[in-house]
């Protein structure tokens, strides 16, 4: 089993991801995710597929100096930004495939995985590896985007990239919504041995006051950045125009206010 094969970033994409996508998308979802089982002082928390580490940073603020927080990700560029932004030597960052996270058995109270499970080739194997790291009765939470038709951000990107570049170029974005069935995710948890599995469909309303800047920098913080970064200004503007058009009623000509719909699935290690 290997890790995230559909969402690898290069160049300055991780910096743009942290600057534009994290505040608008991943902070609200991290807040929701952590509210499901708020980390307590002194607990040990694992952030799987941590990206630039927003869940880890927010968890660290809750567990304090006596708690342990580890962020694990396969992408070195993401972890480099995570370390720089956190500026906290008390958070541990591990470059690791989710297949084999180099940590001891049963060392965490709770594991969180925000928008990562859909990218793992062996999803049950990944959930089993996370379970290995949890204390008995430890909890695992995953947030996974639902279908493209419910998520105008990804849908508009896929449609515009298909038009301007081709279907293959859109696959990286399409894969964000590649595990859209919450009941299927719950089944994966059960196959991995978790009990008390729970699934909720959650619809958050996300906003950005400068829609064009968000879309332009957002698409440059995805795997297609390497394709479009050298385009002419005219060609790139045409792509951005079509993405914004794809938002429909959720773009007022200046700002974006749009739904972002995900499955939130949890399970307990027996």
C-alpha atoms as a PDB file:
ATOM      1  CA  UNK A   1       0.000   0.000   0.000  1.00  0.00           C
ATOM      2  CA  UNK A   2       1.222   3.454  -0.787  1.00  0.00           C
ATOM      3  CA  UNK A   3      -0.048   6.792   0.377  1.00  0.00           C
ATOM      4  CA  UNK A   4      -1.622   9.759  -1.328  1.00  0.00           C
ATOM      5  CA  UNK A   5      -1.031   9.170  -5.022  1.00  0.00           C
ATOM      6  CA  UNK A   6      -3.454  11.758  -6.413  1.00  0.00           C
ATOM      7  CA  UNK A   7      -2.568  14.911  -4.482  1.00  0.00           C
ATOM      8  CA  UNK A   8       1.145  15.625  -4.549  1.00  0.00           C
ATOM      9  CA  UNK A   9       2.279  19.252  -4.672  1.00  0.00           C
ATOM     10  CA  UNK A  10       5.469  20.847  -5.940  1.00  0.00           C
ATOM     11  CA  UNK A  11       7.020  24.299  -6.220  1.00  0.00           C
ATOM     12  CA  UNK A  12       5.267  26.916  -4.080  1.00  0.00           C
ATOM     13  CA  UNK A  13       1.903  25.110  -4.193  1.00  0.00           C
ATOM     14  CA  UNK A  14       2.092  24.172  -0.512  1.00  0.00           C
ATOM     15  CA  UNK A  15       2.604  27.822   0.463  1.00  0.00           C
ATOM     16  CA  UNK A  16      -0.413  28.880  -1.611  1.00  0.00           C
ATOM     17  CA  UNK A  17      -2.405  25.988  -0.127  1.00  0.00           C
ATOM     18  CA  UNK A  18      -1.681  27.288   3.366  1.00  0.00           C
ATOM     19  CA  UNK A  19      -2.375  30.913   2.458  1.00  0.00           C
ATOM     20  CA  UNK A  20      -5.594  30.497   0.467  1.00  0.00           C
ATOM     21  CA  UNK A  21      -7.179  27.072   0.963  1.00  0.00           C
ATOM     22  CA  UNK A  22      -6.486  26.542   4.650  1.00  0.00           C
ATOM     23  CA  UNK A  23      -8.252  29.661   6.023  1.00  0.00           C
ATOM     24  CA  UNK A  24     -11.257  29.296   3.727  1.00  0.00           C
ATOM     25  CA  UNK A  25     -11.750  25.514   3.653  1.00  0.00           C
ATOM     26  CA  UNK A  26      -9.644  23.643   6.164  1.00  0.00           C
ATOM     27  CA  UNK A  27      -9.987  25.868   9.233  1.00  0.00           C
ATOM     28  CA  UNK A  28     -13.807  25.572   9.252  1.00  0.00           C
ATOM     29  CA  UNK A  29     -13.602  21.818   8.702  1.00  0.00           C
ATOM     30  CA  UNK A  30     -10.910  21.420  11.364  1.00  0.00           C
ATOM     31  CA  UNK A  31     -13.103  23.304  13.817  1.00  0.00           C
ATOM     32  CA  UNK A  32     -16.001  20.994  13.036  1.00  0.00           C
ATOM     33  CA  UNK A  33     -13.839  17.888  13.176  1.00  0.00           C
ATOM     34  CA  UNK A  34     -12.315  18.741  16.537  1.00  0.00           C
ATOM     35  CA  UNK A  35     -15.740  19.583  17.934  1.00  0.00           C
ATOM     36  CA  UNK A  36     -16.775  15.960  17.427  1.00  0.00           C
ATOM     37  CA  UNK A  37     -14.322  14.851  20.116  1.00  0.00           C
ATOM     38  CA  UNK A  38     -12.511  17.879  21.555  1.00  0.00           C
ATOM     39  CA  UNK A  39      -8.899  17.112  22.507  1.00  0.00           C
ATOM     40  CA  UNK A  40      -8.318  17.382  26.240  1.00  0.00           C
ATOM     41  CA  UNK A  41      -5.313  18.629  28.186  1.00  0.00           C
ATOM     42  CA  UNK A  42      -2.596  15.996  28.249  1.00  0.00           C
ATOM     43  CA  UNK A  43      -4.027  13.812  25.475  1.00  0.00           C
ATOM     44  CA  UNK A  44      -2.047  12.435  22.530  1.00  0.00           C
ATOM     45  CA  UNK A  45      -3.398  13.351  19.091  1.00  0.00           C
ATOM     46  CA  UNK A  46      -2.494  12.096  15.598  1.00  0.00           C
ATOM     47  CA  UNK A  47      -3.198  14.178  12.469  1.00  0.00           C
ATOM     48  CA  UNK A  48      -3.072  11.787   9.477  1.00  0.00           C
ATOM     49  CA  UNK A  49      -2.402  13.221   6.005  1.00  0.00           C
ATOM     50  CA  UNK A  50      -1.884  16.464   7.884  1.00  0.00           C
ATOM     51  CA  UNK A  51      -0.996  18.672   4.928  1.00  0.00           C
ATOM     52  CA  UNK A  52       0.250  21.974   6.303  1.00  0.00           C
ATOM     53  CA  UNK A  53      -0.943  20.954   9.749  1.00  0.00           C
ATOM     54  CA  UNK A  54      -4.038  22.937  10.634  1.00  0.00           C
ATOM     55  CA  UNK A  55      -5.635  20.110  12.642  1.00  0.00           C
ATOM     56  CA  UNK A  56      -2.368  19.472  14.476  1.00  0.00           C
ATOM     57  CA  UNK A  57      -1.963  23.168  15.322  1.00  0.00           C
ATOM     58  CA  UNK A  58      -5.497  23.494  16.612  1.00  0.00           C
ATOM     59  CA  UNK A  59      -5.209  20.258  18.591  1.00  0.00           C
ATOM     60  CA  UNK A  60      -1.941  21.380  20.159  1.00  0.00           C
ATOM     61  CA  UNK A  61      -3.603  24.499  21.504  1.00  0.00           C
ATOM     62  CA  UNK A  62      -6.045  22.229  23.332  1.00  0.00           C
ATOM     63  CA  UNK A  63      -3.794  19.474  24.709  1.00  0.00           C
ATOM     64  CA  UNK A  64      -1.167  21.876  26.039  1.00  0.00           C
ATOM     65  CA  UNK A  65       2.448  21.188  26.888  1.00  0.00           C
ATOM     66  CA  UNK A  66       1.625  17.871  28.584  1.00  0.00           C
ATOM     67  CA  UNK A  67      -0.062  16.456  25.480  1.00  0.00           C
ATOM     68  CA  UNK A  68       1.538  15.040  22.370  1.00  0.00           C
ATOM     69  CA  UNK A  69       0.575  15.992  18.815  1.00  0.00           C
ATOM     70  CA  UNK A  70       1.985  14.306  15.710  1.00  0.00           C
ATOM     71  CA  UNK A  71       1.288  15.299  12.108  1.00  0.00           C
ATOM     72  CA  UNK A  72       2.084  12.703   9.444  1.00  0.00           C
ATOM     73  CA  UNK A  73       2.092  13.294   5.697  1.00  0.00           C
ATOM     74  CA  UNK A  74       3.777  11.851   2.618  1.00  0.00           C
ATOM     75  CA  UNK A  75       4.433  15.243   1.022  1.00  0.00           C
ATOM     76  CA  UNK A  76       7.689  16.853   2.136  1.00  0.00           C
ATOM     77  CA  UNK A  77       6.658  20.261   0.807  1.00  0.00           C
ATOM     78  CA  UNK A  78       3.517  20.281   2.914  1.00  0.00           C
ATOM     79  CA  UNK A  79       5.491  19.355   6.032  1.00  0.00           C
ATOM     80  CA  UNK A  80       8.064  22.057   5.370  1.00  0.00           C
ATOM     81  CA  UNK A  81       5.280  24.652   5.402  1.00  0.00           C
ATOM     82  CA  UNK A  82       3.680  22.993   8.442  1.00  0.00           C
ATOM     83  CA  UNK A  83       6.896  23.346  10.422  1.00  0.00           C
ATOM     84  CA  UNK A  84       7.374  26.961   9.379  1.00  0.00           C
ATOM     85  CA  UNK A  85       3.806  28.005  10.162  1.00  0.00           C
ATOM     86  CA  UNK A  86       3.514  26.142  13.462  1.00  0.00           C
ATOM     87  CA  UNK A  87       6.779  27.468  14.854  1.00  0.00           C
ATOM     88  CA  UNK A  88       6.223  24.995  17.680  1.00  0.00           C
ATOM     89  CA  UNK A  89       8.867  22.428  18.478  1.00  0.00           C
ATOM     90  CA  UNK A  90       6.318  20.562  20.593  1.00  0.00           C
ATOM     91  CA  UNK A  91       4.470  19.337  17.479  1.00  0.00           C
ATOM     92  CA  UNK A  92       6.144  16.348  15.849  1.00  0.00           C
ATOM     93  CA  UNK A  93       6.103  16.185  12.037  1.00  0.00           C
ATOM     94  CA  UNK A  94       6.694  12.851  10.310  1.00  0.00           C
ATOM     95  CA  UNK A  95       7.150  12.312   6.579  1.00  0.00           C
ATOM     96  CA  UNK A  96       5.480   8.943   6.210  1.00  0.00           C
ATOM     97  CA  UNK A  97       3.344   6.723   4.047  1.00  0.00           C
ATOM     98  CA  UNK A  98       0.067   5.941   5.795  1.00  0.00           C
ATOM     99  CA  UNK A  99       0.822   2.269   5.153  1.00  0.00           C
ATOM    100  CA  UNK A 100       3.562   2.228   7.757  1.00  0.00           C
ATOM    101  CA  UNK A 101       3.708   5.162  10.157  1.00  0.00           C
ATOM    102  CA  UNK A 102       6.915   4.775  12.201  1.00  0.00           C
ATOM    103  CA  UNK A 103       5.364   5.150  15.639  1.00  0.00           C
ATOM    104  CA  UNK A 104       4.792   2.778  18.534  1.00  0.00           C
ATOM    105  CA  UNK A 105       1.589   0.822  19.082  1.00  0.00           C
ATOM    106  CA  UNK A 106      -1.305   2.276  21.088  1.00  0.00           C
ATOM    107  CA  UNK A 107       0.127   5.732  21.717  1.00  0.00           C
ATOM    108  CA  UNK A 108      -2.767   8.075  20.750  1.00  0.00           C
ATOM    109  CA  UNK A 109      -6.139   8.899  22.218  1.00  0.00           C
ATOM    110  CA  UNK A 110      -7.606  10.224  18.971  1.00  0.00           C
ATOM    111  CA  UNK A 111      -6.669  10.310  15.286  1.00  0.00           C
ATOM    112  CA  UNK A 112      -8.080  12.804  12.795  1.00  0.00           C
ATOM    113  CA  UNK A 113      -7.869  12.590   8.999  1.00  0.00           C
ATOM    114  CA  UNK A 114      -9.129  15.626   7.117  1.00  0.00           C
ATOM    115  CA  UNK A 115      -9.722  15.114   3.382  1.00  0.00           C
ATOM    116  CA  UNK A 116      -7.117  12.361   3.110  1.00  0.00           C
ATOM    117  CA  UNK A 117      -8.827   8.970   3.200  1.00  0.00           C
ATOM    118  CA  UNK A 118     -10.158   9.259  -0.353  1.00  0.00           C
ATOM    119  CA  UNK A 119      -6.591   9.350  -1.688  1.00  0.00           C
ATOM    120  CA  UNK A 120      -5.273   6.204   0.024  1.00  0.00           C
ATOM    121  CA  UNK A 121      -5.064   3.249  -2.392  1.00  0.00           C
ATOM    122  CA  UNK A 122      -5.668   0.728   0.406  1.00  0.00           C
ATOM    123  CA  UNK A 123      -8.205   2.508   2.570  1.00  0.00           C
ATOM    124  CA  UNK A 124      -8.935  -0.395   4.895  1.00  0.00           C
ATOM    125  CA  UNK A 125      -5.213  -0.967   5.354  1.00  0.00           C
ATOM    126  CA  UNK A 126      -4.733   2.711   6.219  1.00  0.00           C
ATOM    127  CA  UNK A 127      -7.526   2.595   8.785  1.00  0.00           C
ATOM    128  CA  UNK A 128      -5.993  -0.536  10.310  1.00  0.00           C
ATOM    129  CA  UNK A 129      -2.624   1.207  10.577  1.00  0.00           C
ATOM    130  CA  UNK A 130      -4.282   4.138  12.331  1.00  0.00           C
ATOM    131  CA  UNK A 131      -6.041   1.700  14.682  1.00  0.00           C
ATOM    132  CA  UNK A 132      -2.671   0.147  15.548  1.00  0.00           C
ATOM    133  CA  UNK A 133      -1.582   3.534  16.866  1.00  0.00           C
ATOM    134  CA  UNK A 134      -4.690   4.153  18.974  1.00  0.00           C
ATOM    135  CA  UNK A 135      -5.206   3.249  22.606  1.00  0.00           C
ATOM    136  CA  UNK A 136      -7.995   0.733  23.251  1.00  0.00           C
ATOM    137  CA  UNK A 137     -11.231   2.730  22.969  1.00  0.00           C
ATOM    138  CA  UNK A 138      -9.344   5.365  20.989  1.00  0.00           C
ATOM    139  CA  UNK A 139     -11.275   7.242  18.323  1.00  0.00           C
ATOM    140  CA  UNK A 140     -10.636   7.836  14.623  1.00  0.00           C
ATOM    141  CA  UNK A 141     -12.415  10.601  12.712  1.00  0.00           C
ATOM    142  CA  UNK A 142     -12.349  11.191   8.959  1.00  0.00           C
ATOM    143  CA  UNK A 143     -13.750  14.023   6.860  1.00  0.00           C
ATOM    144  CA  UNK A 144     -14.222  13.112   3.192  1.00  0.00           C
ATOM    145  CA  UNK A 145     -15.791  15.278   0.475  1.00  0.00           C
ATOM    146  CA  UNK A 146     -19.071  14.116  -0.981  1.00  0.00           C
ATOM    147  CA  UNK A 147     -19.962  14.171  -4.683  1.00  0.00           C
ATOM    148  CA  UNK A 148     -18.998  16.800  -7.247  1.00  0.00           C
ATOM    149  CA  UNK A 149     -22.634  17.770  -7.796  1.00  0.00           C
ATOM    150  CA  UNK A 150     -22.828  18.877  -4.136  1.00  0.00           C
ATOM    151  CA  UNK A 151     -19.506  20.750  -4.145  1.00  0.00           C
ATOM    152  CA  UNK A 152     -19.381  23.691  -6.576  1.00  0.00           C
ATOM    153  CA  UNK A 153     -15.719  24.420  -5.854  1.00  0.00           C
ATOM    154  CA  UNK A 154     -14.443  21.071  -7.104  1.00  0.00           C
ATOM    155  CA  UNK A 155     -17.139  20.750  -9.774  1.00  0.00           C
ATOM    156  CA  UNK A 156     -16.274  24.105 -11.350  1.00  0.00           C
ATOM    157  CA  UNK A 157     -12.560  23.259 -11.297  1.00  0.00           C
ATOM    158  CA  UNK A 158     -13.121  19.866 -12.917  1.00  0.00           C
ATOM    159  CA  UNK A 159     -15.367  21.310 -15.641  1.00  0.00           C
ATOM    160  CA  UNK A 160     -12.984  24.161 -16.474  1.00  0.00           C
ATOM    161  CA  UNK A 161      -9.867  21.975 -16.448  1.00  0.00           C
ATOM    162  CA  UNK A 162     -11.564  19.401 -18.663  1.00  0.00           C
ATOM    163  CA  UNK A 163     -12.394  22.158 -21.147  1.00  0.00           C
ATOM    164  CA  UNK A 164      -9.020  23.935 -21.119  1.00  0.00           C
ATOM    165  CA  UNK A 165      -6.572  21.081 -20.500  1.00  0.00           C
ATOM    166  CA  UNK A 166      -8.315  17.734 -20.766  1.00  0.00           C
ATOM    167  CA  UNK A 167     -10.024  15.105 -18.662  1.00  0.00           C
ATOM    168  CA  UNK A 168      -6.772  13.618 -17.379  1.00  0.00           C
ATOM    169  CA  UNK A 169      -5.670  16.953 -15.931  1.00  0.00           C
ATOM    170  CA  UNK A 170      -8.917  17.189 -14.001  1.00  0.00           C
ATOM    171  CA  UNK A 171      -8.495  13.805 -12.341  1.00  0.00           C
ATOM    172  CA  UNK A 172      -6.502  15.169  -9.411  1.00  0.00           C
ATOM    173  CA  UNK A 173      -9.398  17.463  -8.505  1.00  0.00           C
ATOM    174  CA  UNK A 174     -11.996  14.821  -9.321  1.00  0.00           C
ATOM    175  CA  UNK A 175     -10.307  12.459  -6.850  1.00  0.00           C
ATOM    176  CA  UNK A 176     -11.161  14.852  -3.986  1.00  0.00           C
ATOM    177  CA  UNK A 177     -14.748  13.655  -4.442  1.00  0.00           C
ATOM    178  CA  UNK A 178     -13.739  10.095  -5.290  1.00  0.00           C
ATOM    179  CA  UNK A 179     -15.151   8.529  -2.115  1.00  0.00           C
ATOM    180  CA  UNK A 180     -18.500  10.262  -2.008  1.00  0.00           C
ATOM    181  CA  UNK A 181     -20.672   7.659  -0.261  1.00  0.00           C
ATOM    182  CA  UNK A 182     -20.665   8.057   3.511  1.00  0.00           C
ATOM    183  CA  UNK A 183     -22.163   4.603   4.031  1.00  0.00           C
ATOM    184  CA  UNK A 184     -19.285   3.150   2.016  1.00  0.00           C
ATOM    185  CA  UNK A 185     -16.774   4.941   4.238  1.00  0.00           C
ATOM    186  CA  UNK A 186     -18.542   3.630   7.340  1.00  0.00           C
ATOM    187  CA  UNK A 187     -18.215   0.161   5.848  1.00  0.00           C
ATOM    188  CA  UNK A 188     -14.478   0.661   5.433  1.00  0.00           C
ATOM    189  CA  UNK A 189     -14.208   1.549   9.118  1.00  0.00           C
ATOM    190  CA  UNK A 190     -16.088  -1.620  10.021  1.00  0.00           C
ATOM    191  CA  UNK A 191     -13.877  -3.743   7.756  1.00  0.00           C
ATOM    192  CA  UNK A 192     -10.856  -2.270   9.531  1.00  0.00           C
ATOM    193  CA  UNK A 193     -12.225  -3.458  12.877  1.00  0.00           C
ATOM    194  CA  UNK A 194     -13.692  -0.274  14.337  1.00  0.00           C
ATOM    195  CA  UNK A 195     -16.904  -0.395  16.376  1.00  0.00           C
ATOM    196  CA  UNK A 196     -19.566   2.213  17.164  1.00  0.00           C
ATOM    197  CA  UNK A 197     -19.086   3.549  13.638  1.00  0.00           C
ATOM    198  CA  UNK A 198     -21.049   6.720  12.924  1.00  0.00           C
ATOM    199  CA  UNK A 199     -21.635   8.684   9.715  1.00  0.00           C
ATOM    200  CA  UNK A 200     -22.973  12.227   9.328  1.00  0.00           C
ATOM    201  CA  UNK A 201     -23.417  14.300   6.198  1.00  0.00           C
ATOM    202  CA  UNK A 202     -22.243  17.835   6.974  1.00  0.00           C
ATOM    203  CA  UNK A 203     -22.791  20.921   4.807  1.00  0.00           C
ATOM    204  CA  UNK A 204     -20.659  23.924   5.704  1.00  0.00           C
ATOM    205  CA  UNK A 205     -21.041  27.328   4.062  1.00  0.00           C
ATOM    206  CA  UNK A 206     -17.630  28.721   3.128  1.00  0.00           C
ATOM    207  CA  UNK A 207     -16.819  32.279   2.106  1.00  0.00           C
ATOM    208  CA  UNK A 208     -14.033  34.319   0.560  1.00  0.00           C
ATOM    209  CA  UNK A 209     -14.329  38.052   0.002  1.00  0.00           C
ATOM    210  CA  UNK A 210     -12.069  38.065  -3.077  1.00  0.00           C
ATOM    211  CA  UNK A 211     -13.390  35.310  -5.278  1.00  0.00           C
ATOM    212  CA  UNK A 212     -11.015  35.744  -8.186  1.00  0.00           C
ATOM    213  CA  UNK A 213      -7.894  35.730  -6.006  1.00  0.00           C
ATOM    214  CA  UNK A 214      -9.159  32.664  -4.167  1.00  0.00           C
ATOM    215  CA  UNK A 215      -9.849  30.748  -7.380  1.00  0.00           C
ATOM    216  CA  UNK A 216      -6.586  31.723  -9.062  1.00  0.00           C
ATOM    217  CA  UNK A 217      -4.383  30.898  -6.104  1.00  0.00           C
ATOM    218  CA  UNK A 218      -6.501  27.916  -5.175  1.00  0.00           C
ATOM    219  CA  UNK A 219      -5.983  26.203  -8.520  1.00  0.00           C
ATOM    220  CA  UNK A 220      -2.245  26.923  -8.251  1.00  0.00           C
ATOM    221  CA  UNK A 221      -2.209  25.041  -4.946  1.00  0.00           C
ATOM    222  CA  UNK A 222      -3.417  21.811  -6.557  1.00  0.00           C
ATOM    223  CA  UNK A 223      -1.544  19.137  -8.538  1.00  0.00           C
ATOM    224  CA  UNK A 224      -2.350  20.922 -11.822  1.00  0.00           C
ATOM    225  CA  UNK A 225      -0.159  23.876 -10.844  1.00  0.00           C
ATOM    226  CA  UNK A 226       2.743  22.438 -12.813  1.00  0.00           C
ATOM    227  CA  UNK A 227       0.615  22.423 -15.960  1.00  0.00           C
ATOM    228  CA  UNK A 228      -0.817  25.931 -15.810  1.00  0.00           C
ATOM    229  CA  UNK A 229       1.938  27.869 -14.046  1.00  0.00           C
ATOM    230  CA  UNK A 230       3.679  28.691 -17.335  1.00  0.00           C
ATOM    231  CA  UNK A 231       0.536  29.636 -19.229  1.00  0.00           C
ATOM    232  CA  UNK A 232       0.080  33.108 -20.632  1.00  0.00           C
ATOM    233  CA  UNK A 233      -1.963  35.551 -18.615  1.00  0.00           C
ATOM    234  CA  UNK A 234      -4.711  35.366 -21.239  1.00  0.00           C
ATOM    235  CA  UNK A 235      -4.941  31.578 -21.073  1.00  0.00           C
ATOM    236  CA  UNK A 236      -4.917  31.514 -17.291  1.00  0.00           C
ATOM    237  CA  UNK A 237      -7.571  34.233 -17.070  1.00  0.00           C
ATOM    238  CA  UNK A 238      -9.816  32.222 -19.380  1.00  0.00           C
ATOM    239  CA  UNK A 239      -9.504  29.232 -17.047  1.00  0.00           C
ATOM    240  CA  UNK A 240     -10.227  31.357 -13.973  1.00  0.00           C
ATOM    241  CA  UNK A 241     -13.230  32.963 -15.694  1.00  0.00           C
ATOM    242  CA  UNK A 242     -14.731  29.561 -16.403  1.00  0.00           C
ATOM    243  CA  UNK A 243     -14.164  28.340 -12.847  1.00  0.00           C
ATOM    244  CA  UNK A 244     -15.904  31.426 -11.469  1.00  0.00           C
ATOM    245  CA  UNK A 245     -18.762  31.010 -13.947  1.00  0.00           C
ATOM    246  CA  UNK A 246     -19.088  27.432 -12.765  1.00  0.00           C
ATOM    247  CA  UNK A 247     -19.923  28.638  -9.251  1.00  0.00           C
ATOM    248  CA  UNK A 248     -23.156  30.096 -10.619  1.00  0.00           C
ATOM    249  CA  UNK A 249     -25.253  31.774  -7.927  1.00  0.00           C
ATOM    250  CA  UNK A 250     -22.489  31.278  -5.357  1.00  0.00           C
ATOM    251  CA  UNK A 251     -20.336  33.987  -7.006  1.00  0.00           C
ATOM    252  CA  UNK A 252     -21.710  37.551  -6.971  1.00  0.00           C
ATOM    253  CA  UNK A 253     -18.994  39.047  -9.156  1.00  0.00           C
ATOM    254  CA  UNK A 254     -16.750  39.805  -6.209  1.00  0.00           C
ATOM    255  CA  UNK A 255     -17.066  37.323  -3.357  1.00  0.00           C
ATOM    256  CA  UNK A 256     -17.779  33.624  -3.058  1.00  0.00           C
ATOM    257  CA  UNK A 257     -20.235  32.044  -0.627  1.00  0.00           C
ATOM    258  CA  UNK A 258     -20.625  28.366  -1.388  1.00  0.00           C
ATOM    259  CA  UNK A 259     -21.550  25.016   0.156  1.00  0.00           C
ATOM    260  CA  UNK A 260     -18.873  22.460   0.925  1.00  0.00           C
ATOM    261  CA  UNK A 261     -20.377  19.056   1.693  1.00  0.00           C
ATOM    262  CA  UNK A 262     -18.517  16.156   3.306  1.00  0.00           C
ATOM    263  CA  UNK A 263     -19.030  12.911   5.143  1.00  0.00           C
ATOM    264  CA  UNK A 264     -17.815  12.895   8.741  1.00  0.00           C
ATOM    265  CA  UNK A 265     -17.227   9.307   9.832  1.00  0.00           C
ATOM    266  CA  UNK A 266     -15.962   8.083  13.185  1.00  0.00           C
ATOM    267  CA  UNK A 267     -15.164   4.761  14.774  1.00  0.00           C
ATOM    268  CA  UNK A 268     -13.789   3.417  18.045  1.00  0.00           C
ATOM    269  CA  UNK A 269     -10.982   0.916  18.419  1.00  0.00           C
ATOM    270  CA  UNK A 270     -12.275  -1.975  20.582  1.00  0.00           C
END
